[in-house]
C-alpha atoms as a PDB file:
ATOM      1  CA  MET A   1     -19.215 -10.664 -21.237  1.00  0.00           C
ATOM      2  CA  SER A   2     -18.076  -8.426 -18.433  1.00  0.00           C
ATOM      3  CA  ASN A   3     -19.805  -5.207 -17.273  1.00  0.00           C
ATOM      4  CA  LEU A   4     -16.565  -3.751 -15.978  1.00  0.00           C
ATOM      5  CA  LYS A   5     -15.885  -0.350 -17.492  1.00  0.00           C
ATOM      6  CA  GLY A   6     -12.170   0.145 -17.974  1.00  0.00           C
ATOM      7  CA  GLY A   7      -9.824   0.333 -15.102  1.00  0.00           C
ATOM      8  CA  GLY A   8      -6.665   1.900 -13.720  1.00  0.00           C
ATOM      9  CA  MET A   9      -4.090   1.769 -11.058  1.00  0.00           C
ATOM     10  CA  ILE A  10      -3.162   4.399  -8.507  1.00  0.00           C
ATOM     11  CA  LYS A  11      -0.473   4.493  -5.834  1.00  0.00           C
ATOM     12  CA  ARG A  12      -1.633   3.464  -2.358  1.00  0.00           C
ATOM     13  CA  LYS A  13      -1.851   6.410   0.037  1.00  0.00           C
ATOM     14  CA  ASP A  14      -1.948   3.991   3.005  1.00  0.00           C
ATOM     15  CA  PRO A  15      -0.757   0.362   3.300  1.00  0.00           C
ATOM     16  CA  LYS A  16      -4.247  -0.542   4.455  1.00  0.00           C
ATOM     17  CA  ASP A  17      -5.791   0.583   1.174  1.00  0.00           C
ATOM     18  CA  HIS A  18      -7.435  -2.187  -0.806  1.00  0.00           C
ATOM     19  CA  PRO A  19      -8.688  -2.700  -4.379  1.00  0.00           C
ATOM     20  CA  ILE A  20     -12.093  -1.329  -5.378  1.00  0.00           C
ATOM     21  CA  THR A  21     -14.132  -2.814  -8.148  1.00  0.00           C
ATOM     22  CA  TYR A  22     -16.919  -0.915  -9.994  1.00  0.00           C
ATOM     23  CA  MET A  23     -19.615  -2.688 -11.901  1.00  0.00           C
ATOM     24  CA  ASP A  24     -22.497  -1.519 -14.079  1.00  0.00           C
ATOM     25  CA  VAL A  25     -25.834  -3.189 -13.257  1.00  0.00           C
ATOM     26  CA  PRO A  26     -29.374  -2.532 -14.532  1.00  0.00           C
ATOM     27  CA  SER A  27     -30.824  -1.954 -11.056  1.00  0.00           C
ATOM     28  CA  THR A  28     -28.803  -1.140  -7.931  1.00  0.00           C
ATOM     29  CA  ASP A  29     -31.722  -2.031  -5.693  1.00  0.00           C
ATOM     30  CA  GLU A  30     -32.098  -5.503  -7.266  1.00  0.00           C
ATOM     31  CA  TYR A  31     -28.415  -6.274  -7.276  1.00  0.00           C
ATOM     32  CA  SER A  32     -27.803  -4.947  -3.762  1.00  0.00           C
ATOM     33  CA  LEU A  33     -30.340  -7.516  -2.548  1.00  0.00           C
ATOM     34  CA  LYS A  34     -28.525 -10.245  -4.451  1.00  0.00           C
ATOM     35  CA  VAL A  35     -25.190  -9.225  -2.914  1.00  0.00           C
ATOM     36  CA  GLU A  36     -26.661  -9.378   0.600  1.00  0.00           C
ATOM     37  CA  GLU A  37     -28.353 -12.714  -0.113  1.00  0.00           C
ATOM     38  CA  LEU A  38     -24.940 -14.102  -1.062  1.00  0.00           C
ATOM     39  CA  GLY A  39     -23.487 -12.897   2.218  1.00  0.00           C
ATOM     40  CA  ASP A  40     -21.499  -9.917   1.067  1.00  0.00           C
ATOM     41  CA  ARG A  41     -21.808  -6.168   1.479  1.00  0.00           C
ATOM     42  CA  PHE A  42     -20.968  -3.003  -0.395  1.00  0.00           C
END
């Protein structure tokens, strides 16, 4: 089951704009550590 809450599309204002994904997590502190441990950033 996904925690993604809906979605939408908007016109790019700049060609360098990129997709943004939002997720609902129980603890931002806990999950931010997991993200960094996996080598990513947010």
